[in-house]
């Protein structure tokens, strides 16, 4: 069980590193959560709320829900609770890659 708990966030963080700054986690990596991963979509060095809204709406159409960030932080929040399986995390990271390619 612990291995799976580590495997899911590791996949998100490793994939996120490959997006060349399109998705940005503002939290220092050593303090990052294994369960909740907040992200911002950044274009031209600033957060792009239009892309974040588009991301959330397209994710909903793909049956990925509850990705909207906390009301005080905005952006995107990926929650990797026990009910989320590894295949769903893989689906999300693939969606993230496709979304970035379509919007850059």
N, C-alpha and C. Protein backbone atom coordinates (compact mmCIF):
# COMPACT_ATOMS: atom_id res chain seq x y z
N UNK A 1 0.82 -1.20 0.00
CA UNK A 1 0.00 0.00 0.00
C UNK A 1 0.86 1.26 0.00
N UNK A 2 1.90 1.28 0.84
CA UNK A 2 2.78 2.44 0.88
C UNK A 2 3.50 2.67 -0.44
N UNK A 3 3.87 1.58 -1.12
CA UNK A 3 4.53 1.71 -2.42
C UNK A 3 3.62 2.42 -3.41
N UNK A 4 2.34 2.06 -3.41
CA UNK A 4 1.38 2.69 -4.31
C UNK A 4 1.21 4.16 -3.94
N UNK A 5 1.18 4.46 -2.64
CA UNK A 5 1.06 5.84 -2.21
C UNK A 5 2.23 6.67 -2.71
N UNK A 6 3.42 6.10 -2.76
CA UNK A 6 4.59 6.81 -3.26
C UNK A 6 4.63 6.84 -4.78
N UNK A 7 4.13 5.81 -5.42
CA UNK A 7 4.20 5.68 -6.87
C UNK A 7 3.33 6.72 -7.58
N UNK A 8 2.16 7.00 -7.06
CA UNK A 8 1.24 7.94 -7.71
C UNK A 8 1.81 9.36 -7.74
N UNK A 9 2.21 9.94 -6.60
CA UNK A 9 2.76 11.30 -6.68
C UNK A 9 4.08 11.35 -7.43
N UNK A 10 4.88 10.29 -7.34
CA UNK A 10 6.15 10.26 -8.07
C UNK A 10 5.88 10.39 -9.56
N UNK A 11 4.88 9.68 -10.06
CA UNK A 11 4.53 9.78 -11.48
C UNK A 11 4.15 11.21 -11.84
N UNK A 12 3.30 11.83 -11.05
CA UNK A 12 2.87 13.20 -11.34
C UNK A 12 4.05 14.16 -11.31
N UNK A 13 4.89 14.07 -10.28
CA UNK A 13 6.03 14.99 -10.18
C UNK A 13 7.04 14.76 -11.30
N UNK A 14 7.31 13.51 -11.65
CA UNK A 14 8.28 13.22 -12.72
C UNK A 14 7.75 13.70 -14.07
N UNK A 15 6.49 13.42 -14.35
CA UNK A 15 5.90 13.88 -15.61
C UNK A 15 5.87 15.40 -15.63
N UNK A 16 5.50 16.00 -14.51
CA UNK A 16 5.44 17.45 -14.44
C UNK A 16 6.79 18.08 -14.77
N UNK A 17 7.87 17.46 -14.33
CA UNK A 17 9.21 17.98 -14.62
C UNK A 17 9.48 18.00 -16.12
N UNK A 18 8.81 17.15 -16.88
CA UNK A 18 9.04 17.07 -18.33
C UNK A 18 8.24 18.11 -19.11
N UNK A 19 7.37 18.84 -18.46
CA UNK A 19 6.52 19.81 -19.17
C UNK A 19 7.18 21.18 -19.33
N UNK A 20 8.44 21.29 -19.01
CA UNK A 20 9.22 22.50 -19.27
C UNK A 20 8.59 23.78 -18.74
N UNK A 21 8.06 23.71 -17.52
CA UNK A 21 7.54 24.91 -16.88
C UNK A 21 6.13 25.29 -17.26
N UNK A 22 5.44 24.48 -18.03
CA UNK A 22 4.04 24.78 -18.38
C UNK A 22 3.15 24.61 -17.15
N UNK A 23 3.36 23.52 -16.42
CA UNK A 23 2.68 23.30 -15.14
C UNK A 23 3.71 23.56 -14.04
N UNK A 24 3.36 24.43 -13.10
CA UNK A 24 4.32 24.80 -12.06
C UNK A 24 3.73 24.53 -10.69
N UNK A 25 4.50 23.84 -9.86
CA UNK A 25 4.16 23.64 -8.47
C UNK A 25 4.97 24.66 -7.68
N UNK A 26 4.28 25.56 -7.01
CA UNK A 26 4.94 26.66 -6.30
C UNK A 26 5.57 26.23 -4.97
N UNK A 27 5.37 24.98 -4.60
CA UNK A 27 5.87 24.50 -3.31
C UNK A 27 7.22 23.83 -3.51
N UNK A 28 8.16 24.14 -2.65
CA UNK A 28 9.49 23.52 -2.70
C UNK A 28 9.33 22.00 -2.66
N UNK A 29 10.04 21.31 -3.53
CA UNK A 29 9.89 19.86 -3.70
C UNK A 29 10.04 19.09 -2.38
N UNK A 30 10.91 19.54 -1.49
CA UNK A 30 11.10 18.80 -0.24
C UNK A 30 9.89 18.90 0.70
N UNK A 31 8.98 19.85 0.43
CA UNK A 31 7.79 19.99 1.26
C UNK A 31 6.52 19.52 0.54
N UNK A 32 6.66 18.98 -0.64
CA UNK A 32 5.50 18.58 -1.44
C UNK A 32 4.74 17.42 -0.80
N UNK A 33 3.45 17.48 -0.95
CA UNK A 33 2.55 16.45 -0.42
C UNK A 33 2.50 15.24 -1.34
N UNK A 34 2.27 14.07 -0.75
CA UNK A 34 2.03 12.86 -1.55
C UNK A 34 0.57 12.78 -1.96
N UNK A 35 -0.28 13.58 -1.35
CA UNK A 35 -1.71 13.47 -1.58
C UNK A 35 -2.27 14.63 -2.41
N UNK A 36 -1.92 15.86 -2.09
CA UNK A 36 -2.45 17.02 -2.81
C UNK A 36 -1.32 17.77 -3.50
N UNK A 37 -1.46 17.93 -4.81
CA UNK A 37 -0.43 18.57 -5.62
C UNK A 37 -1.05 19.79 -6.29
N UNK A 38 -0.74 21.00 -5.79
CA UNK A 38 -1.27 22.20 -6.44
C UNK A 38 -0.37 22.60 -7.61
N UNK A 39 -1.00 22.99 -8.71
CA UNK A 39 -0.25 23.41 -9.89
C UNK A 39 -0.85 24.68 -10.45
N UNK A 40 -0.02 25.45 -11.11
CA UNK A 40 -0.47 26.58 -11.92
C UNK A 40 0.00 26.32 -13.34
N UNK A 41 -0.78 26.77 -14.31
CA UNK A 41 -0.34 26.74 -15.70
C UNK A 41 0.30 28.10 -15.97
N UNK A 42 1.54 28.06 -16.42
CA UNK A 42 2.30 29.29 -16.60
C UNK A 42 2.68 29.45 -18.06
N UNK A 43 2.35 30.63 -18.60
CA UNK A 43 2.79 30.99 -19.95
C UNK A 43 3.38 32.39 -19.87
N UNK A 44 4.46 32.59 -20.57
CA UNK A 44 5.15 33.89 -20.55
C UNK A 44 5.44 34.35 -19.12
N UNK A 45 5.83 33.43 -18.28
CA UNK A 45 6.29 33.64 -16.90
C UNK A 45 5.18 34.10 -15.95
N UNK A 46 3.92 34.05 -16.35
CA UNK A 46 2.83 34.40 -15.44
C UNK A 46 1.76 33.31 -15.46
N UNK A 47 1.03 33.19 -14.37
CA UNK A 47 -0.06 32.21 -14.30
C UNK A 47 -1.12 32.56 -15.34
N UNK A 48 -1.61 31.55 -16.01
CA UNK A 48 -2.59 31.75 -17.07
C UNK A 48 -3.93 31.16 -16.62
N UNK A 49 -4.77 32.00 -16.03
CA UNK A 49 -6.05 31.53 -15.48
C UNK A 49 -6.99 31.05 -16.58
N UNK A 50 -6.89 31.61 -17.77
CA UNK A 50 -7.73 31.17 -18.88
C UNK A 50 -7.42 29.72 -19.23
N UNK A 51 -6.12 29.38 -19.32
CA UNK A 51 -5.72 28.00 -19.60
C UNK A 51 -6.11 27.07 -18.46
N UNK A 52 -5.99 27.55 -17.22
CA UNK A 52 -6.38 26.72 -16.08
C UNK A 52 -7.87 26.38 -16.12
N UNK A 53 -8.69 27.36 -16.45
CA UNK A 53 -10.12 27.13 -16.57
C UNK A 53 -10.42 26.17 -17.72
N UNK A 54 -9.75 26.36 -18.84
CA UNK A 54 -9.91 25.47 -19.99
C UNK A 54 -9.49 24.05 -19.63
N UNK A 55 -8.37 23.92 -18.91
CA UNK A 55 -7.87 22.61 -18.47
C UNK A 55 -8.93 21.91 -17.62
N UNK A 56 -9.48 22.61 -16.65
CA UNK A 56 -10.47 22.02 -15.75
C UNK A 56 -11.71 21.60 -16.53
N UNK A 57 -12.18 22.45 -17.44
CA UNK A 57 -13.37 22.12 -18.23
C UNK A 57 -13.14 20.93 -19.14
N UNK A 58 -11.98 20.86 -19.78
CA UNK A 58 -11.67 19.72 -20.65
C UNK A 58 -11.49 18.44 -19.83
N UNK A 59 -10.92 18.58 -18.64
CA UNK A 59 -10.76 17.41 -17.77
C UNK A 59 -12.12 16.85 -17.37
N UNK A 60 -13.06 17.73 -17.07
CA UNK A 60 -14.41 17.29 -16.70
C UNK A 60 -15.04 16.51 -17.84
N UNK A 61 -14.85 16.99 -19.07
CA UNK A 61 -15.39 16.28 -20.24
C UNK A 61 -14.76 14.89 -20.40
N UNK A 62 -13.57 14.72 -19.83
CA UNK A 62 -12.88 13.42 -19.87
C UNK A 62 -13.11 12.62 -18.58
N UNK A 63 -14.13 13.01 -17.81
CA UNK A 63 -14.49 12.33 -16.56
C UNK A 63 -13.43 12.44 -15.47
N UNK A 64 -12.67 13.51 -15.48
CA UNK A 64 -11.72 13.79 -14.40
C UNK A 64 -12.26 15.01 -13.66
N UNK A 65 -12.67 14.78 -12.42
CA UNK A 65 -13.35 15.84 -11.68
C UNK A 65 -12.54 16.27 -10.46
N UNK A 66 -13.00 17.36 -9.85
CA UNK A 66 -12.40 17.88 -8.62
C UNK A 66 -10.94 18.28 -8.80
N UNK A 67 -10.62 18.90 -9.92
CA UNK A 67 -9.25 19.35 -10.17
C UNK A 67 -9.07 20.85 -9.94
N UNK A 68 -10.16 21.53 -9.64
CA UNK A 68 -10.07 22.96 -9.41
C UNK A 68 -9.32 23.22 -8.11
N UNK A 69 -8.40 24.16 -8.16
CA UNK A 69 -7.59 24.47 -6.99
C UNK A 69 -8.40 25.08 -5.85
N UNK A 70 -7.78 25.15 -4.70
CA UNK A 70 -8.39 25.74 -3.52
C UNK A 70 -8.75 27.19 -3.82
N UNK A 71 -9.86 27.67 -3.27
CA UNK A 71 -10.34 29.02 -3.60
C UNK A 71 -9.33 30.11 -3.26
N UNK A 72 -8.48 29.90 -2.28
CA UNK A 72 -7.50 30.94 -1.94
C UNK A 72 -6.22 30.84 -2.78
N UNK A 73 -6.02 29.71 -3.46
CA UNK A 73 -4.80 29.52 -4.25
C UNK A 73 -5.04 29.52 -5.75
N UNK A 74 -6.27 29.21 -6.15
CA UNK A 74 -6.64 29.08 -7.57
C UNK A 74 -5.86 27.95 -8.22
N UNK A 75 -5.77 27.96 -9.52
CA UNK A 75 -5.01 26.95 -10.24
C UNK A 75 -5.68 25.59 -10.24
N UNK A 76 -4.85 24.57 -10.21
CA UNK A 76 -5.27 23.17 -10.31
C UNK A 76 -4.78 22.45 -9.06
N UNK A 77 -5.60 21.53 -8.56
CA UNK A 77 -5.16 20.71 -7.42
C UNK A 77 -5.44 19.26 -7.75
N UNK A 78 -4.37 18.48 -7.80
CA UNK A 78 -4.48 17.05 -8.04
C UNK A 78 -4.50 16.37 -6.67
N UNK A 79 -5.58 15.67 -6.38
CA UNK A 79 -5.71 14.95 -5.11
C UNK A 79 -5.58 13.46 -5.36
N UNK A 80 -4.62 12.84 -4.71
CA UNK A 80 -4.31 11.43 -4.93
C UNK A 80 -4.72 10.58 -3.73
N UNK A 81 -5.98 10.71 -3.35
CA UNK A 81 -6.48 9.93 -2.23
C UNK A 81 -6.49 8.44 -2.56
N UNK A 82 -6.70 7.60 -1.57
CA UNK A 82 -6.68 6.15 -1.76
C UNK A 82 -7.64 5.67 -2.85
N UNK A 83 -8.76 6.37 -3.04
CA UNK A 83 -9.74 5.97 -4.04
C UNK A 83 -9.28 6.18 -5.48
N UNK A 84 -8.20 6.92 -5.66
CA UNK A 84 -7.66 7.18 -7.00
C UNK A 84 -6.62 6.10 -7.28
N UNK A 85 -6.86 5.32 -8.35
CA UNK A 85 -5.91 4.25 -8.65
C UNK A 85 -4.81 4.73 -9.60
N UNK A 86 -3.79 3.91 -9.77
CA UNK A 86 -2.63 4.29 -10.57
C UNK A 86 -3.01 4.54 -12.03
N UNK A 87 -3.95 3.76 -12.56
CA UNK A 87 -4.38 3.95 -13.95
C UNK A 87 -5.02 5.32 -14.14
N UNK A 88 -5.76 5.79 -13.15
CA UNK A 88 -6.38 7.11 -13.23
C UNK A 88 -5.32 8.21 -13.19
N UNK A 89 -4.28 8.01 -12.42
CA UNK A 89 -3.18 8.97 -12.37
C UNK A 89 -2.46 9.00 -13.72
N UNK A 90 -2.25 7.83 -14.30
CA UNK A 90 -1.63 7.75 -15.62
C UNK A 90 -2.50 8.46 -16.66
N UNK A 91 -3.80 8.25 -16.59
CA UNK A 91 -4.73 8.92 -17.52
C UNK A 91 -4.61 10.44 -17.36
N UNK A 92 -4.53 10.92 -16.13
CA UNK A 92 -4.40 12.35 -15.89
C UNK A 92 -3.10 12.89 -16.47
N UNK A 93 -2.00 12.21 -16.24
CA UNK A 93 -0.72 12.72 -16.75
C UNK A 93 -0.70 12.72 -18.28
N UNK A 94 -1.33 11.73 -18.89
CA UNK A 94 -1.44 11.72 -20.36
C UNK A 94 -2.29 12.90 -20.84
N UNK A 95 -3.37 13.17 -20.12
CA UNK A 95 -4.22 14.32 -20.44
C UNK A 95 -3.42 15.61 -20.32
N UNK A 96 -2.61 15.73 -19.28
CA UNK A 96 -1.79 16.93 -19.09
C UNK A 96 -0.86 17.13 -20.28
N UNK A 97 -0.23 16.07 -20.74
CA UNK A 97 0.66 16.17 -21.88
C UNK A 97 -0.07 16.59 -23.14
N UNK A 98 -1.22 15.99 -23.39
CA UNK A 98 -2.02 16.34 -24.56
C UNK A 98 -2.48 17.79 -24.50
N UNK A 99 -2.91 18.22 -23.31
CA UNK A 99 -3.37 19.60 -23.14
C UNK A 99 -2.24 20.58 -23.42
N UNK A 100 -1.06 20.28 -22.91
CA UNK A 100 0.07 21.18 -23.15
C UNK A 100 0.39 21.27 -24.64
N UNK A 101 0.43 20.14 -25.31
CA UNK A 101 0.75 20.14 -26.75
C UNK A 101 -0.26 20.94 -27.55
N UNK A 102 -1.54 20.85 -27.18
CA UNK A 102 -2.58 21.59 -27.89
C UNK A 102 -2.51 23.08 -27.65
N UNK A 103 -1.93 23.48 -26.52
CA UNK A 103 -2.01 24.88 -26.11
C UNK A 103 -0.67 25.60 -26.05
N UNK A 104 0.34 25.06 -26.70
CA UNK A 104 1.63 25.77 -26.76
C UNK A 104 2.09 25.88 -28.19
